[in-house]
Protein backbone atom coordinates (compact mmCIF):
# COMPACT_ATOMS: atom_id res chain seq x y z
CA UNK A 1 37.40 -6.23 41.07
CA UNK A 2 37.25 -4.22 37.87
CA UNK A 3 39.74 -4.66 35.05
CA UNK A 4 40.74 -1.67 32.95
CA UNK A 5 42.34 -1.53 29.52
CA UNK A 6 44.58 1.36 28.62
CA UNK A 7 44.69 2.72 25.09
CA UNK A 8 47.56 5.00 24.11
CA UNK A 9 47.98 6.94 20.88
CA UNK A 10 51.50 7.89 19.81
CA UNK A 11 52.37 10.60 17.34
CA UNK A 12 55.66 9.48 15.79
CA UNK A 13 57.79 11.77 13.63
CA UNK A 14 58.19 10.82 9.96
CA UNK A 15 61.90 10.01 10.28
CA UNK A 16 60.99 7.14 12.68
CA UNK A 17 58.62 5.33 10.33
CA UNK A 18 60.68 2.13 10.41
CA UNK A 19 59.02 0.61 13.47
CA UNK A 20 58.10 -3.02 12.82
CA UNK A 21 54.91 -4.71 13.99
CA UNK A 22 57.03 -7.11 16.07
CA UNK A 23 58.03 -4.19 18.33
CA UNK A 24 56.90 -4.00 21.97
CA UNK A 25 55.81 -1.21 24.28
CA UNK A 26 56.27 -1.24 28.06
CA UNK A 27 55.52 1.10 30.91
CA UNK A 28 58.54 1.95 33.10
CA UNK A 29 59.32 4.30 35.95
CA UNK A 30 62.45 6.35 36.35
CA UNK A 31 62.68 5.57 40.07
CA UNK A 32 60.65 4.87 43.17
CA UNK A 33 59.09 8.32 43.34
CA UNK A 34 59.72 9.47 39.77
CA UNK A 35 57.69 9.83 36.63
CA UNK A 36 56.57 6.99 34.41
CA UNK A 37 57.29 6.66 30.71
CA UNK A 38 56.70 4.32 27.78
CA UNK A 39 59.65 2.35 26.43
CA UNK A 40 59.50 1.20 22.83
CA UNK A 41 61.62 -1.82 21.89
CA UNK A 42 62.04 -2.15 18.14
CA UNK A 43 61.18 -5.61 16.83
CA UNK A 44 62.91 -7.83 14.32
CA UNK A 45 62.22 -8.47 10.65
CA UNK A 46 61.06 -11.99 9.76
CA UNK A 47 59.78 -12.48 6.21
CA UNK A 48 58.30 -15.91 7.13
CA UNK A 49 56.10 -14.24 9.76
CA UNK A 50 55.04 -11.48 7.40
CA UNK A 51 56.68 -8.71 9.40
CA UNK A 52 55.67 -5.25 8.24
CA UNK A 53 56.35 -1.64 9.13
CA UNK A 54 53.67 -0.03 11.28
CA UNK A 55 51.51 2.53 9.51
CA UNK A 56 49.03 5.17 10.66
CA UNK A 57 46.42 3.67 13.05
CA UNK A 58 48.23 0.31 13.37
CA UNK A 59 48.56 -1.19 16.84
CA UNK A 60 51.46 -2.70 18.75
CA UNK A 61 50.24 -6.05 20.04
CA UNK A 62 53.14 -6.88 22.40
CA UNK A 63 52.66 -4.71 25.48
CA UNK A 64 53.99 -5.11 29.00
CA UNK A 65 52.42 -3.92 32.23
CA UNK A 66 54.17 -1.63 34.67
CA UNK A 67 55.61 -2.88 37.93
CA UNK A 68 54.72 -0.30 40.56
CA UNK A 69 57.68 -0.24 42.94
CA UNK A 70 55.75 1.63 45.63
CA UNK A 71 53.30 -1.28 45.90
CA UNK A 72 56.11 -3.83 46.19
CA UNK A 73 57.88 -1.89 48.95
CA UNK A 74 54.92 -1.52 51.18
């Protein structure tokens, strides 16, 4: 069985440049037969951890896989 890794590039508008590197990104679906989308959950600031704001070409490390409802149903 092969394993694949997905790489996604996001183009974020300048007025949203407050996304912290503790944020997470997850794949969701709008319903059983609907489209899929990425959900961004903004992280928290922790000076002890060295939290910083994401910059151009930075990566979000906390990602979550999609649950495909069609596969669970049958």
